Every structure is written in C-alpha cells, then in structure tokens.
Amino acid sequence: MSQTNNSIFKGNFVLVFLASLLVFTAFYIMLPTLPVFLTRQLHIDEGQTGLILAVYTLAALLIRPFTGFLIDRYGRKVFYIPSLFLFAAIFVGYPLAGAFALILIVRFAHGLVWGVATTTGSTLIVDIVPAERRGEGIGLYGLAMTIPMAMGPFTGLQLTQNNNYTLMFLFAGALAFAGFLLTLFIKYPVVPLAGKTTFSFRNLLESSSLPVTLNLLLINISYGGLVSFVSLYALKTGIGNTGLFFIVFASGIALARIYMGKIFDRHGPKALSVTGILLLAIGNLILGLIINTSGFMIAGFLLGIGSGVVFPTFQAMVNNLVPAQRRGAANSTLFSGLDLGIGLGMLITGFLAHAIGLPHTYLIFGGLNVLALLYFLFISLAHYQKLLLKGIR
C-alpha cells in the first residue's frame, strides 16, 4: 500500500478537520477585536468587558459535561450539525446587541454552543481515526486549532482597520457557516452508544480521565496567564510585537503536532509528556528572566512546542482508557479541565501581576509546571499504565 493511500488525512477526517479549521478561525478573529469593539463602539467599561469575555469560557465549562453524556447516549451527529449552525448564526447577534445585558446573553449563548461543538468534534475525530493511529490523528487534527491561532487575529485586525466591526462579525459568521455546511457531508461512524444510562453527576464525568484532567488543569494555569497577559507584559517591558510572538508560538505548536502523534503511537506518552512539560517550565522561566525580544521569542517557541505536545498527548491518553460509548464523557472531562485551568490562570495571573509583577509571576508558573511534571510521573502515568493493562481502546 502506498504512503498516500495509507494517509489518515482523507474522507471524513478532512471534512471534520476543515469544519473545525473554519470554526476556530471564526473564533480567533474575535479574540483581539471583541474587547476593542466593546470598549470603543459600545462604550462598555473594562470591568464589564472582562465579564463579557469570561462568561464565554464559563458557559463552555458548564455545558461540556452534559455534552459528553448526551453524545455518548444519542450519537455525535444530532449535536455536531446543530451546534455549528447555531455557532455561525449567533455572530449576527453581536452587532445587533447594543447594551451590556444583551451582549452578555449573546456571549453566554455563544459559549454554550462552542462547548458543544468543540467537545463533539474532538470526540468525532477519535471515532474516525483507527485506534492504533490515535495519537497521529489527534495530533494532526490539532492543526485545525493551531493554524487559526495565527490566521484569525491577523484577519480580525485587518477587517476592523476602518472600525467596520459589523463586517468582521459577518465574515466570521460566514466562515463558521461554511464549516456547518461541511458537517452535512460527513459519514458519521457507527459507534456503540451508552443506551439508557442513568442521568447523574457521576455519569457526566469519566472517572478514568480525572488524574490526567487534573494534570492538564495544573499545566493550563500558566497557559491562561500567558494568553491573557503576554500582550500587556510586552507593552510594559517595551518589547512590543506581540503579533510576532503569537506567530512563533503557533509555529511551535504546529511543529509539535505534526510529529508527536506518531511518536505517541509507537512509544507511548512518557517521553513526550516529560519533554512537553519541561519545555513549558523552561519557557516560563525564560519569559520571567530574559526580558528582551530574543528571550520573548525563544520563550514563545518553546511554550508553543510544549503546548503542542501536552494537550494532544493527554487527549490520546484519556481516549485510550475508555470504550467508544464513553469517549464523549472522557473528552468533555478533559476539556473541562482545560477550560478551568485557563480561567484560573487568568484570575491568578491578574492577582500575582498586581502583587509581585509579571516577570515573577511567570517564574512561579515555571515552578508550577515542574510540580505538574512530578504529578505526571507519579500519578497520571502510573494511573494510565495500570488501566491500559485492561486493554480498553
């Protein structure tokens, strides 16, 4: 069989990949532009703007456990298609909502469907990829989230150069709608469903995923502090050029995702995770110690590689520990840890930045990642290896 025919980048995989690429690009278009729209166009103060931004993550966090339970019970298709349609449609609400209360409602609704769409898409890709190539598939699928990280903000800033925010929202909505159209052509794999599983808090979460999820939560505290405060850090230290930082950061993620999957499938998670978490620790330490442009860019690249390794590796781990009918719960549990870690990171970084300054804050995060590495070696990895002996894939 030729290498081309042996590629997993075909058929359903490509459709889910492209749908996610379009949806994530729409999401990242708003990342740098929405705060400016809220403060300059709607004249909403910074405190209320922060609440509007945060409620999106809160909504996604609240809906993910229910999403995992429901897609395991009723299937992926009945939630994936409507969630992408609603995600596209809600973009129209931003320019129509002219007051704080209305846009808060729009943002909360957008966060809900975002939580459903991303949880379902990530579960669907695991259904599509053969178990023996799961790491490779998850790693490559992650590029659908990484490429928009560089493309989206640039596109959003270009669209709003003349303060035409309505055009920006409609363009993002059109991209998301194109992603929705692609979902109509996917041949959804038939997987065993959970059946009439009793609705309970215990069934909303996947217990086998909890050690790895807590590990990811610890790691993403520093990630939350990075994405929310690195622009302010660059401004205060006179480094500037945050756009280049995110391009370097996204390049590191993309490079890691291209190669990490095959390494995982052949050698397992230990070497990958140790390397990834170490790079996160080193990147944060460089960010706090070498306060110049060179240090800024080196830190961005190392942090990108570390991030590009850790999340898909952890996602492959939790999916290797559950049968098909619990993949939704496993992925929603992991994504909940991701969201919670980022949210805590934003709050903790704000407090520490005020108390001790951002350089010292990033040094603390370097130490936190060392603790996360120890947790991985003695708890997450041991838990994974023990359960994997049962042979559930």
Protein backbone atom coordinates (compact mmCIF):
# COMPACT_ATOMS: atom_id res chain seq x y z
CA MET A 1 0.00 0.00 0.00
CA SER A 2 1.40 3.44 -0.89
CA GLN A 3 2.06 6.13 1.66
CA THR A 4 -0.63 8.27 0.05
CA ASN A 5 -3.27 5.57 0.42
CA ASN A 6 -2.14 4.97 3.98
CA SER A 7 -2.71 8.57 4.99
CA ILE A 8 -5.41 9.30 7.54
CA PHE A 9 -5.82 12.76 6.04
CA LYS A 10 -8.73 11.86 3.75
CA GLY A 11 -12.50 11.43 3.65
CA ASN A 12 -14.32 12.10 6.91
CA PHE A 13 -11.11 13.20 8.62
CA VAL A 14 -10.65 16.02 6.10
CA LEU A 15 -14.28 17.16 6.44
CA VAL A 16 -14.10 17.36 10.25
CA PHE A 17 -10.65 18.98 10.03
CA LEU A 18 -11.84 21.69 7.62
CA ALA A 19 -15.06 22.31 9.53
CA SER A 20 -13.04 22.79 12.72
CA LEU A 21 -10.48 24.95 10.91
CA LEU A 22 -13.22 27.33 9.76
CA VAL A 23 -14.93 27.44 13.15
CA PHE A 24 -11.70 28.05 15.06
CA THR A 25 -10.70 30.78 12.59
CA ALA A 26 -14.03 32.49 13.27
CA PHE A 27 -13.35 32.18 17.00
CA TYR A 28 -9.83 33.62 16.78
CA ILE A 29 -10.94 36.50 14.53
CA MET A 30 -12.81 37.87 17.55
CA LEU A 31 -10.05 37.29 20.09
CA PRO A 32 -8.20 40.62 19.63
CA THR A 33 -11.13 42.60 18.22
CA LEU A 34 -14.05 41.95 20.58
CA PRO A 35 -12.56 43.85 23.57
CA VAL A 36 -11.95 46.88 21.33
CA PHE A 37 -15.49 46.65 19.92
CA LEU A 38 -16.97 46.53 23.40
CA THR A 39 -14.99 49.44 24.83
CA ARG A 40 -14.81 51.78 21.83
CA GLN A 41 -18.02 51.06 19.93
CA LEU A 42 -20.42 50.14 22.73
CA HIS A 43 -18.61 52.20 25.42
CA ILE A 44 -18.70 49.34 27.91
CA ASP A 45 -16.20 49.78 30.76
CA GLU A 46 -13.24 47.45 31.25
CA GLY A 47 -14.76 45.65 34.22
CA GLN A 48 -17.91 44.74 32.30
CA THR A 49 -15.81 43.87 29.25
CA GLY A 50 -13.85 41.39 31.35
CA LEU A 51 -17.11 39.80 32.50
CA ILE A 52 -18.36 39.50 28.90
CA LEU A 53 -15.11 37.81 27.87
CA ALA A 54 -15.10 35.46 30.87
CA VAL A 55 -18.72 34.34 30.56
CA TYR A 56 -17.89 32.60 27.26
CA THR A 57 -15.44 30.25 28.97
CA LEU A 58 -17.84 29.78 31.88
CA ALA A 59 -20.66 28.76 29.53
CA ALA A 60 -18.42 26.28 27.70
CA LEU A 61 -17.26 24.83 31.02
CA LEU A 62 -20.84 24.38 32.23
CA ILE A 63 -22.09 22.65 29.08
CA ARG A 64 -19.20 20.26 28.39
CA PRO A 65 -20.07 17.52 30.93
CA PHE A 66 -23.68 17.44 29.69
CA THR A 67 -22.46 17.34 26.10
CA GLY A 68 -20.26 14.34 26.77
CA PHE A 69 -23.13 12.47 28.40
CA LEU A 70 -25.59 13.29 25.60
CA ILE A 71 -23.35 12.48 22.63
CA ASP A 72 -22.49 9.14 24.23
CA ARG A 73 -26.18 8.39 24.62
CA TYR A 74 -27.64 9.79 21.40
CA GLY A 75 -24.68 9.99 18.99
CA ARG A 76 -22.44 12.74 17.61
CA LYS A 77 -24.39 13.82 14.51
CA VAL A 78 -27.50 15.11 16.26
CA PHE A 79 -25.39 17.57 18.26
CA TYR A 80 -22.50 18.39 15.92
CA ILE A 81 -24.57 19.70 13.00
CA PRO A 82 -26.94 21.96 15.03
CA SER A 83 -24.13 23.29 17.23
CA LEU A 84 -22.10 24.51 14.24
CA PHE A 85 -25.20 26.09 12.69
CA LEU A 86 -26.02 27.94 15.91
CA PHE A 87 -22.38 28.96 16.39
CA ALA A 88 -22.47 30.62 12.95
CA ALA A 89 -25.90 32.23 13.47
CA ILE A 90 -25.05 33.85 16.80
CA PHE A 91 -22.38 36.05 15.19
CA VAL A 92 -25.25 38.17 13.85
CA GLY A 93 -26.23 38.96 17.44
CA TYR A 94 -23.09 40.92 18.29
CA PRO A 95 -23.71 44.00 16.11
CA LEU A 96 -27.43 43.88 16.98
CA ALA A 97 -26.87 43.82 20.76
CA GLY A 98 -26.18 47.41 21.72
CA ALA A 99 -26.18 47.13 25.50
CA PHE A 100 -24.21 45.28 28.17
CA ALA A 101 -27.03 42.93 29.24
CA LEU A 102 -27.86 41.88 25.68
CA ILE A 103 -24.31 41.22 24.60
CA LEU A 104 -23.69 39.28 27.82
CA ILE A 105 -26.58 36.99 26.82
CA VAL A 106 -25.21 36.66 23.27
CA ARG A 107 -21.76 35.84 24.59
CA PHE A 108 -23.09 33.24 27.05
CA ALA A 109 -25.13 31.56 24.31
CA HIS A 110 -22.09 31.56 22.04
CA GLY A 111 -20.02 29.91 24.75
CA LEU A 112 -22.64 27.19 25.20
CA VAL A 113 -22.68 26.15 21.55
CA TRP A 114 -18.88 26.48 21.39
CA GLY A 115 -18.62 23.97 24.24
CA VAL A 116 -20.94 21.56 22.43
CA ALA A 117 -19.25 21.95 19.03
CA THR A 118 -15.66 21.55 20.23
CA THR A 119 -16.39 18.64 22.56
CA THR A 120 -18.34 16.79 19.87
CA GLY A 121 -15.80 17.49 17.13
CA SER A 122 -12.91 16.24 19.24
CA THR A 123 -14.84 13.07 20.09
CA LEU A 124 -15.86 12.53 16.48
CA ILE A 125 -12.26 12.63 15.27
CA VAL A 126 -11.38 9.85 17.74
CA ASP A 127 -14.24 7.79 16.29
CA ILE A 128 -12.85 8.26 12.78
CA VAL A 129 -9.16 7.50 13.40
CA PRO A 130 -8.03 3.86 13.82
CA ALA A 131 -7.09 3.11 17.42
CA GLU A 132 -3.50 2.19 16.52
CA ARG A 133 -3.04 5.65 14.92
CA ARG A 134 -4.97 7.65 17.52
CA GLY A 135 -2.03 9.80 18.59
CA GLU A 136 -1.23 10.71 14.99
CA GLY A 137 -4.86 11.55 14.23
CA ILE A 138 -5.36 13.72 17.30
CA GLY A 139 -2.06 15.49 16.66
CA LEU A 140 -2.90 16.30 13.04
CA TYR A 141 -6.45 17.32 13.93
CA GLY A 142 -4.98 19.78 16.40
CA LEU A 143 -3.59 21.77 13.47
CA ALA A 144 -7.19 22.82 12.81
CA MET A 145 -6.94 24.72 16.10
CA THR A 146 -3.35 25.88 15.67
CA ILE A 147 -3.44 27.39 12.16
CA PRO A 148 -6.35 29.71 13.10
CA MET A 149 -4.32 30.89 16.10
CA ALA A 150 -2.05 32.69 13.64
CA MET A 151 -4.58 33.44 10.87
CA GLY A 152 -7.57 34.53 12.94
CA PRO A 153 -6.22 37.51 14.91
CA PHE A 154 -4.46 38.91 11.83
CA THR A 155 -7.68 38.63 9.77
CA GLY A 156 -9.76 40.23 12.50
CA LEU A 157 -7.42 43.18 12.84
CA GLN A 158 -7.35 43.68 9.06
CA LEU A 159 -11.16 43.61 8.83
CA THR A 160 -11.55 46.22 11.58
CA GLN A 161 -8.94 48.70 10.37
CA ASN A 162 -11.75 51.11 9.44
CA ASN A 163 -13.78 50.26 12.55
CA ASN A 164 -16.18 48.17 10.46
CA TYR A 165 -16.98 45.63 13.16
CA THR A 166 -20.22 44.53 11.52
CA LEU A 167 -18.21 43.32 8.52
CA MET A 168 -15.89 41.44 10.87
CA PHE A 169 -18.76 39.67 12.67
CA LEU A 170 -20.48 38.77 9.40
CA PHE A 171 -17.24 37.46 7.87
CA ALA A 172 -16.57 35.30 10.95
CA GLY A 173 -20.15 34.07 10.84
CA ALA A 174 -19.80 33.20 7.15
CA LEU A 175 -16.68 31.13 7.86
CA ALA A 176 -18.47 29.28 10.64
CA PHE A 177 -21.48 28.71 8.34
CA ALA A 178 -19.17 27.17 5.73
CA GLY A 179 -17.93 24.84 8.47
CA PHE A 180 -21.54 23.91 9.24
CA LEU A 181 -22.16 23.06 5.56
CA LEU A 182 -19.23 20.64 5.60
CA THR A 183 -20.78 18.74 8.51
CA LEU A 184 -23.68 17.79 6.26
CA PHE A 185 -21.36 15.69 4.08
CA ILE A 186 -19.67 13.72 6.87
CA LYS A 187 -20.41 10.00 7.00
CA TYR A 188 -20.71 9.66 10.75
CA PRO A 189 -19.14 6.43 12.05
CA VAL A 190 -21.42 3.97 13.80
CA VAL A 191 -20.17 3.60 17.36
CA PRO A 192 -21.74 1.78 20.32
CA LEU A 193 -24.00 4.14 22.27
CA ALA A 194 -24.31 4.29 26.03
CA GLY A 195 -28.01 3.45 25.80
CA LYS A 196 -30.32 4.35 28.66
CA THR A 197 -27.59 5.43 31.01
CA THR A 198 -28.91 6.95 34.21
CA PHE A 199 -28.52 10.71 34.30
CA SER A 200 -26.31 11.55 37.29
CA PHE A 201 -23.34 13.74 38.14
CA ARG A 202 -21.17 10.65 38.25
CA ASN A 203 -22.09 9.79 34.66
CA LEU A 204 -21.37 13.32 33.45
CA LEU A 205 -17.67 12.84 34.16
CA GLU A 206 -15.37 9.97 33.24
CA SER A 207 -13.53 8.86 36.38
CA SER A 208 -10.65 7.26 34.48
CA SER A 209 -9.90 10.66 32.91
CA LEU A 210 -9.70 12.60 36.18
CA PRO A 211 -5.98 12.18 37.04
CA VAL A 212 -4.91 13.30 33.56
CA THR A 213 -7.52 16.08 33.60
CA LEU A 214 -6.20 17.45 36.90
CA ASN A 215 -2.71 17.31 35.41
CA LEU A 216 -3.89 19.35 32.42
CA LEU A 217 -5.64 21.81 34.73
CA LEU A 218 -2.36 22.49 36.57
CA ILE A 219 -0.50 22.99 33.31
CA ASN A 220 -3.11 25.30 31.82
CA ILE A 221 -2.98 27.72 34.72
CA SER A 222 0.25 29.01 33.19
CA TYR A 223 -1.30 28.91 29.69
CA GLY A 224 -4.19 31.09 30.87
CA GLY A 225 -1.69 33.56 32.27
CA LEU A 226 0.23 33.54 29.01
CA VAL A 227 -2.56 34.19 26.51
CA SER A 228 -4.33 36.79 28.65
CA PHE A 229 -1.37 38.86 29.87
CA VAL A 230 1.52 38.40 27.41
CA SER A 231 0.45 41.46 25.35
CA LEU A 232 0.40 43.60 28.49
CA TYR A 233 3.75 42.12 29.51
CA ALA A 234 5.27 43.05 26.14
CA LEU A 235 3.87 46.57 26.43
CA LYS A 236 5.12 47.17 29.96
CA THR A 237 8.61 45.84 29.25
CA GLY A 238 8.95 47.70 25.94
CA ILE A 239 9.33 44.50 23.90
CA GLY A 240 6.33 45.06 21.66
CA ASN A 241 5.49 42.94 18.59
CA THR A 242 3.04 40.60 20.31
CA GLY A 243 1.73 39.55 16.91
CA LEU A 244 5.12 38.03 16.05
CA PHE A 245 5.15 36.26 19.43
CA PHE A 246 1.87 34.50 18.64
CA ILE A 247 3.10 33.53 15.17
CA VAL A 248 6.22 31.97 16.74
CA PHE A 249 4.05 30.37 19.44
CA ALA A 250 1.65 28.91 16.86
CA SER A 251 4.61 27.68 14.76
CA GLY A 252 5.92 25.75 17.77
CA ILE A 253 2.52 24.17 18.34
CA ALA A 254 2.18 23.21 14.67
CA LEU A 255 5.66 21.66 14.56
CA ALA A 256 4.94 19.59 17.67
CA ARG A 257 1.55 18.39 16.45
CA ILE A 258 2.94 17.19 13.12
CA TYR A 259 5.39 14.79 14.80
CA MET A 260 4.05 14.00 18.28
CA GLY A 261 1.25 11.69 17.16
CA LYS A 262 3.45 9.08 15.51
CA ILE A 263 5.80 9.17 18.50
CA PHE A 264 2.86 8.56 20.84
CA ASP A 265 1.55 5.65 18.77
CA ARG A 266 4.98 3.96 18.74
CA HIS A 267 6.38 4.80 22.16
CA GLY A 268 3.52 5.94 24.40
CA PRO A 269 3.09 9.16 26.41
CA LYS A 270 6.01 9.17 28.86
CA ALA A 271 8.87 10.72 26.85
CA LEU A 272 6.51 13.07 25.03
CA SER A 273 4.84 14.38 28.17
CA VAL A 274 8.07 14.78 30.11
CA THR A 275 9.60 16.74 27.22
CA GLY A 276 6.49 18.87 26.69
CA ILE A 277 6.03 19.81 30.35
CA LEU A 278 9.75 20.54 30.74
CA LEU A 279 9.61 22.89 27.76
CA LEU A 280 6.66 24.69 29.33
CA ALA A 281 8.61 25.12 32.56
CA ILE A 282 11.72 26.36 30.72
CA GLY A 283 9.67 28.69 28.51
CA ASN A 284 8.01 30.34 31.51
CA LEU A 285 11.37 30.72 33.26
CA ILE A 286 12.88 32.36 30.17
CA LEU A 287 9.87 34.65 29.92
CA GLY A 288 10.46 35.82 33.50
CA LEU A 289 14.28 36.01 33.40
CA ILE A 290 15.31 37.17 29.91
CA ILE A 291 13.30 40.34 29.40
CA ASN A 292 14.18 41.26 25.84
CA THR A 293 12.96 40.47 22.33
CA SER A 294 15.21 37.41 21.91
CA GLY A 295 14.07 35.90 25.20
CA PHE A 296 10.47 36.71 24.33
CA MET A 297 10.62 34.85 21.02
CA ILE A 298 12.61 31.88 22.32
CA ALA A 299 10.11 31.51 25.16
CA GLY A 300 7.22 31.70 22.70
CA PHE A 301 8.66 28.93 20.52
CA LEU A 302 9.40 26.62 23.47
CA LEU A 303 5.99 27.27 25.02
CA GLY A 304 4.39 26.53 21.65
CA ILE A 305 6.17 23.18 21.30
CA GLY A 306 5.31 22.26 24.89
CA SER A 307 1.64 23.15 24.40
CA GLY A 308 1.56 21.32 21.07
CA VAL A 309 2.84 18.17 22.73
CA VAL A 310 0.95 18.10 26.01
CA PHE A 311 -2.72 18.53 25.11
CA PRO A 312 -2.97 16.01 22.23
CA THR A 313 -0.88 13.53 24.22
CA PHE A 314 -3.23 13.84 27.19
CA GLN A 315 -6.26 13.59 24.90
CA ALA A 316 -4.93 10.39 23.34
CA MET A 317 -4.30 9.01 26.85
CA VAL A 318 -7.86 9.55 28.12
CA ASN A 319 -9.36 8.12 24.92
CA ASN A 320 -7.19 5.02 25.22
CA LEU A 321 -8.71 4.31 28.63
CA VAL A 322 -12.39 4.22 27.67
CA PRO A 323 -14.67 2.19 25.38
CA ALA A 324 -16.31 4.01 22.46
CA GLN A 325 -19.53 4.66 24.35
CA ARG A 326 -17.66 6.74 26.97
CA ARG A 327 -15.48 8.83 24.63
CA GLY A 328 -17.82 11.80 24.88
CA ALA A 329 -17.56 11.81 28.66
CA ALA A 330 -13.78 11.35 28.51
CA ASN A 331 -13.30 14.27 26.14
CA SER A 332 -15.73 16.55 27.95
CA THR A 333 -13.98 15.81 31.25
CA LEU A 334 -10.59 16.66 29.75
CA PHE A 335 -11.86 19.85 28.08
CA SER A 336 -13.46 20.94 31.36
CA GLY A 337 -10.03 20.72 32.98
CA LEU A 338 -8.62 22.73 30.09
CA ASP A 339 -11.23 25.49 30.48
CA LEU A 340 -10.98 25.59 34.27
CA GLY A 341 -7.19 25.77 34.18
CA ILE A 342 -7.23 28.66 31.70
CA GLY A 343 -9.86 30.51 33.74
CA LEU A 344 -7.95 30.05 36.99
CA GLY A 345 -4.78 31.12 35.20
CA MET A 346 -6.36 34.40 34.17
CA LEU A 347 -7.55 35.12 37.70
CA ILE A 348 -4.29 34.06 39.39
CA THR A 349 -2.14 35.98 36.93
CA GLY A 350 -4.16 39.15 37.48
CA PHE A 351 -3.68 38.86 41.23
CA LEU A 352 0.02 37.97 41.09
CA ALA A 353 0.81 40.59 38.44
CA HIS A 354 -0.57 43.27 40.73
CA ALA A 355 1.19 41.86 43.81
CA ILE A 356 4.66 40.87 42.51
CA GLY A 357 4.78 41.79 38.82
CA LEU A 358 4.53 39.68 35.66
CA PRO A 359 8.21 38.57 35.49
CA HIS A 360 7.97 36.96 38.92
CA THR A 361 4.56 35.55 38.04
CA TYR A 362 5.99 33.68 35.06
CA LEU A 363 8.81 32.36 37.25
CA ILE A 364 6.20 30.95 39.62
CA PHE A 365 4.43 29.34 36.67
CA GLY A 366 7.73 27.72 35.67
CA GLY A 367 7.83 26.14 39.13
CA LEU A 368 4.17 25.13 38.84
CA ASN A 369 4.96 23.23 35.65
CA VAL A 370 7.75 21.39 37.45
CA LEU A 371 5.15 20.29 40.00
CA ALA A 372 2.88 19.26 37.12
CA LEU A 373 5.73 17.13 35.75
CA LEU A 374 6.15 15.36 39.08
CA TYR A 375 2.40 14.81 39.23
CA PHE A 376 2.52 13.27 35.76
CA LEU A 377 5.38 10.89 36.59
CA PHE A 378 3.99 9.64 39.89
CA ILE A 379 0.21 9.84 39.41
CA SER A 380 -1.04 10.36 35.83
CA LEU A 381 1.41 7.99 34.15
CA ALA A 382 1.03 5.29 36.81
CA HIS A 383 -2.77 5.54 36.54
CA TYR A 384 -2.62 5.31 32.74
CA GLN A 385 -0.28 2.34 32.66
CA LYS A 386 -2.34 0.47 35.24
CA LEU A 387 -5.65 0.91 33.38
CA LEU A 388 -4.13 0.33 29.95
CA LEU A 389 -3.33 -3.22 31.00
CA LYS A 390 -7.07 -3.88 30.78
CA GLY A 391 -6.75 -3.33 27.05
CA ILE A 392 -9.66 -0.88 26.59
CA ARG A 393 -9.25 1.01 23.30
